[in-house]
Amino acid sequence: QSFPLPPRFYVPAASSLQSPAKHHSQQFRSCSTKKDTREIVFKKDLAKHLVEKHGSTVHKYEMMITDIFDLIAKKVAEDKVVRISMFGKFSKAVSGRKVGRHFRTGEYMEIPEFVRPKFNAFKAFKQSLKDAEKEEV
């Protein structure tokens, strides 16, 4: 049985069309009520750490990190599983087609299958997080 395609879900309010926000961050609000105060570690920070430990240049390690994650993404896209010892497993998860209901009209509609990345942390990685948490306390 075939279902009609869903209409556009987002229709901007008339007020947002008349007076656009000055900055994109003013236009949308976070759904989270709790502010995340954790420090963010960027690729460059990882590269600097590797330079301190092994020498060479930050640019070289940044390129290596990029290449590693590009290779993981490529292999997962080819439907292969990437296992990194003591860390975790990257794979592809496919959500099958299903029938859902439009939230405004209540009409039944077909939701197509979609692919998403999946990560399973290994026991050693989970344990290292628990051990680090104990050291902080």
C-alpha atoms as a PDB file:
ATOM      1  CA  GLN A   1       0.000   0.000   0.000  1.00  0.00           C
ATOM      2  CA  SER A   2       1.408   3.372  -1.008  1.00  0.00           C
ATOM      3  CA  PHE A   3       1.064   6.491   1.119  1.00  0.00           C
ATOM      4  CA  PRO A   4       1.339  10.124   0.041  1.00  0.00           C
ATOM      5  CA  LEU A   5       4.550  11.958   0.812  1.00  0.00           C
ATOM      6  CA  PRO A   6       4.377  14.126   3.932  1.00  0.00           C
ATOM      7  CA  PRO A   7       4.017  17.882   3.509  1.00  0.00           C
ATOM      8  CA  ARG A   8       6.729  20.208   4.709  1.00  0.00           C
ATOM      9  CA  PHE A   9       6.838  20.112   8.500  1.00  0.00           C
ATOM     10  CA  TYR A  10       8.373  23.511   9.135  1.00  0.00           C
ATOM     11  CA  VAL A  11       6.538  26.637   8.126  1.00  0.00           C
ATOM     12  CA  PRO A  12       8.123  29.816   9.485  1.00  0.00           C
ATOM     13  CA  ALA A  13       5.895  32.066  11.528  1.00  0.00           C
ATOM     14  CA  ALA A  14       4.841  35.309   9.879  1.00  0.00           C
ATOM     15  CA  SER A  15       6.673  37.306  12.562  1.00  0.00           C
ATOM     16  CA  SER A  16       9.990  35.632  11.689  1.00  0.00           C
ATOM     17  CA  LEU A  17       9.547  36.607   8.034  1.00  0.00           C
ATOM     18  CA  GLN A  18       8.893  40.252   8.879  1.00  0.00           C
ATOM     19  CA  SER A  19      11.773  40.749  11.301  1.00  0.00           C
ATOM     20  CA  PRO A  20      14.603  38.282  10.714  1.00  0.00           C
ATOM     21  CA  ALA A  21      16.983  37.548  13.586  1.00  0.00           C
ATOM     22  CA  LYS A  22      20.276  39.411  13.586  1.00  0.00           C
ATOM     23  CA  HIS A  23      22.248  36.213  14.127  1.00  0.00           C
ATOM     24  CA  HIS A  24      21.332  32.587  13.420  1.00  0.00           C
ATOM     25  CA  SER A  25      21.783  31.693  17.105  1.00  0.00           C
ATOM     26  CA  GLN A  26      19.018  34.154  18.034  1.00  0.00           C
ATOM     27  CA  GLN A  27      16.601  32.422  15.682  1.00  0.00           C
ATOM     28  CA  PHE A  28      16.681  28.953  17.255  1.00  0.00           C
ATOM     29  CA  ARG A  29      16.782  27.950  20.903  1.00  0.00           C
ATOM     30  CA  SER A  30      18.310  24.863  22.389  1.00  0.00           C
ATOM     31  CA  CYS A  31      15.887  22.167  23.502  1.00  0.00           C
ATOM     32  CA  SER A  32      18.103  21.313  26.441  1.00  0.00           C
ATOM     33  CA  THR A  33      17.337  22.983  29.753  1.00  0.00           C
ATOM     34  CA  LYS A  34      20.596  21.831  31.341  1.00  0.00           C
ATOM     35  CA  LYS A  35      23.735  23.543  30.094  1.00  0.00           C
ATOM     36  CA  ASP A  36      26.607  21.245  29.161  1.00  0.00           C
ATOM     37  CA  THR A  37      29.716  22.478  30.948  1.00  0.00           C
ATOM     38  CA  ARG A  38      32.109  19.793  29.725  1.00  0.00           C
ATOM     39  CA  GLU A  39      35.251  20.911  27.924  1.00  0.00           C
ATOM     40  CA  ILE A  40      35.237  20.330  24.174  1.00  0.00           C
ATOM     41  CA  VAL A  41      38.337  18.678  22.702  1.00  0.00           C
ATOM     42  CA  PHE A  42      38.921  19.438  19.040  1.00  0.00           C
ATOM     43  CA  LYS A  43      40.991  17.592  16.447  1.00  0.00           C
ATOM     44  CA  LYS A  44      43.742  20.205  16.780  1.00  0.00           C
ATOM     45  CA  ASP A  45      43.927  19.549  20.552  1.00  0.00           C
ATOM     46  CA  LEU A  46      44.392  15.836  19.910  1.00  0.00           C
ATOM     47  CA  ALA A  47      47.104  16.620  17.354  1.00  0.00           C
ATOM     48  CA  LYS A  48      48.914  18.916  19.823  1.00  0.00           C
ATOM     49  CA  HIS A  49      48.865  16.145  22.423  1.00  0.00           C
ATOM     50  CA  LEU A  50      50.395  13.731  19.910  1.00  0.00           C
ATOM     51  CA  VAL A  51      53.091  16.277  19.021  1.00  0.00           C
ATOM     52  CA  GLU A  52      54.008  16.641  22.693  1.00  0.00           C
ATOM     53  CA  LYS A  53      54.187  12.870  23.076  1.00  0.00           C
ATOM     54  CA  HIS A  54      55.817  11.821  19.777  1.00  0.00           C
ATOM     55  CA  GLY A  55      57.209  14.950  18.119  1.00  0.00           C
ATOM     56  CA  SER A  56      56.635  16.019  14.476  1.00  0.00           C
ATOM     57  CA  THR A  57      54.090  18.693  13.485  1.00  0.00           C
ATOM     58  CA  VAL A  58      50.500  19.482  14.441  1.00  0.00           C
ATOM     59  CA  HIS A  59      49.467  19.595  10.771  1.00  0.00           C
ATOM     60  CA  LYS A  60      50.828  16.098  10.143  1.00  0.00           C
ATOM     61  CA  TYR A  61      48.843  14.614  13.048  1.00  0.00           C
ATOM     62  CA  GLU A  62      45.695  16.536  12.096  1.00  0.00           C
ATOM     63  CA  MET A  63      45.909  15.019   8.622  1.00  0.00           C
ATOM     64  CA  MET A  64      46.437  11.547  10.113  1.00  0.00           C
ATOM     65  CA  ILE A  65      43.397  11.906  12.406  1.00  0.00           C
ATOM     66  CA  THR A  66      41.302  13.119   9.457  1.00  0.00           C
ATOM     67  CA  ASP A  67      42.468  10.210   7.318  1.00  0.00           C
ATOM     68  CA  ILE A  68      41.646   7.692  10.048  1.00  0.00           C
ATOM     69  CA  PHE A  69      38.080   8.954  10.469  1.00  0.00           C
ATOM     70  CA  ASP A  70      37.588   9.260   6.705  1.00  0.00           C
ATOM     71  CA  LEU A  71      38.715   5.646   6.325  1.00  0.00           C
ATOM     72  CA  ILE A  72      36.351   4.500   9.108  1.00  0.00           C
ATOM     73  CA  ALA A  73      33.445   6.335   7.432  1.00  0.00           C
ATOM     74  CA  LYS A  74      34.334   4.850   4.040  1.00  0.00           C
ATOM     75  CA  LYS A  75      34.524   1.279   5.357  1.00  0.00           C
ATOM     76  CA  VAL A  76      31.259   1.613   7.295  1.00  0.00           C
ATOM     77  CA  ALA A  77      29.580   3.035   4.159  1.00  0.00           C
ATOM     78  CA  GLU A  78      30.790  -0.107   2.320  1.00  0.00           C
ATOM     79  CA  ASP A  79      28.819  -2.100   4.942  1.00  0.00           C
ATOM     80  CA  LYS A  80      31.941  -3.281   6.747  1.00  0.00           C
ATOM     81  CA  VAL A  81      32.422  -3.314  10.518  1.00  0.00           C
ATOM     82  CA  VAL A  82      35.432  -1.425  11.893  1.00  0.00           C
ATOM     83  CA  ARG A  83      36.704  -2.809  15.198  1.00  0.00           C
ATOM     84  CA  ILE A  84      39.321  -0.881  17.143  1.00  0.00           C
ATOM     85  CA  SER A  85      40.808  -2.990  19.910  1.00  0.00           C
ATOM     86  CA  MET A  86      40.118  -1.752  23.469  1.00  0.00           C
ATOM     87  CA  PHE A  87      37.896   1.051  22.092  1.00  0.00           C
ATOM     88  CA  GLY A  88      34.820   0.020  20.135  1.00  0.00           C
ATOM     89  CA  LYS A  89      33.092  -1.065  16.971  1.00  0.00           C
ATOM     90  CA  PHE A  90      31.735   1.168  14.198  1.00  0.00           C
ATOM     91  CA  SER A  91      29.001  -0.214  11.968  1.00  0.00           C
ATOM     92  CA  LYS A  92      26.010   0.711   9.863  1.00  0.00           C
ATOM     93  CA  ALA A  93      22.463   0.338  11.173  1.00  0.00           C
ATOM     94  CA  VAL A  94      19.533   0.248   8.782  1.00  0.00           C
ATOM     95  CA  SER A  95      16.094   1.224   9.962  1.00  0.00           C
ATOM     96  CA  GLY A  96      13.429  -0.529   7.920  1.00  0.00           C
ATOM     97  CA  ARG A  97      10.495   1.095   6.150  1.00  0.00           C
ATOM     98  CA  LYS A  98       7.525   1.665   8.366  1.00  0.00           C
ATOM     99  CA  VAL A  99       4.173   3.369   8.482  1.00  0.00           C
ATOM    100  CA  GLY A 100       3.759   6.410  10.675  1.00  0.00           C
ATOM    101  CA  ARG A 101       1.211   9.153  11.193  1.00  0.00           C
ATOM    102  CA  HIS A 102       1.516  12.808  10.321  1.00  0.00           C
ATOM    103  CA  PHE A 103       1.540  14.712  13.602  1.00  0.00           C
ATOM    104  CA  ARG A 104      -0.853  17.464  12.447  1.00  0.00           C
ATOM    105  CA  THR A 105      -3.323  15.728  10.143  1.00  0.00           C
ATOM    106  CA  GLY A 106      -3.190  12.201  11.544  1.00  0.00           C
ATOM    107  CA  GLU A 107      -2.845  10.783   8.026  1.00  0.00           C
ATOM    108  CA  TYR A 108      -0.924   7.558   7.613  1.00  0.00           C
ATOM    109  CA  MET A 109       2.305   7.938   5.677  1.00  0.00           C
ATOM    110  CA  GLU A 110       5.226   5.794   4.657  1.00  0.00           C
ATOM    111  CA  ILE A 111       8.529   6.453   6.420  1.00  0.00           C
ATOM    112  CA  PRO A 112      11.334   5.248   4.138  1.00  0.00           C
ATOM    113  CA  GLU A 113      14.222   3.181   5.440  1.00  0.00           C
ATOM    114  CA  PHE A 114      17.293   5.123   6.442  1.00  0.00           C
ATOM    115  CA  VAL A 115      20.882   4.356   7.336  1.00  0.00           C
ATOM    116  CA  ARG A 116      22.669   5.691  10.389  1.00  0.00           C
ATOM    117  CA  PRO A 117      26.081   5.122  11.938  1.00  0.00           C
ATOM    118  CA  LYS A 118      26.286   2.935  15.021  1.00  0.00           C
ATOM    119  CA  PHE A 119      29.022   2.736  17.676  1.00  0.00           C
ATOM    120  CA  ASN A 120      29.361   0.071  20.346  1.00  0.00           C
ATOM    121  CA  ALA A 121      31.890   0.814  23.082  1.00  0.00           C
ATOM    122  CA  PHE A 122      33.954  -2.164  24.211  1.00  0.00           C
ATOM    123  CA  LYS A 123      34.195  -3.205  27.841  1.00  0.00           C
ATOM    124  CA  ALA A 124      37.763  -1.892  28.226  1.00  0.00           C
ATOM    125  CA  PHE A 125      36.712   1.591  27.045  1.00  0.00           C
ATOM    126  CA  LYS A 126      33.709   1.654  29.386  1.00  0.00           C
ATOM    127  CA  GLN A 127      35.903   0.520  32.267  1.00  0.00           C
ATOM    128  CA  SER A 128      38.465   3.249  31.574  1.00  0.00           C
ATOM    129  CA  LEU A 129      35.655   5.831  31.837  1.00  0.00           C
ATOM    130  CA  LYS A 130      34.546   4.370  35.170  1.00  0.00           C
ATOM    131  CA  ASP A 131      38.140   4.369  36.454  1.00  0.00           C
ATOM    132  CA  ALA A 132      38.644   7.997  35.400  1.00  0.00           C
ATOM    133  CA  GLU A 133      35.421   8.961  37.174  1.00  0.00           C
ATOM    134  CA  LYS A 134      36.608   7.288  40.390  1.00  0.00           C
ATOM    135  CA  GLU A 135      39.923   9.204  40.229  1.00  0.00           C
ATOM    136  CA  GLU A 136      38.058  12.526  40.038  1.00  0.00           C
ATOM    137  CA  VAL A 137      36.087  11.838  43.215  1.00  0.00           C
END
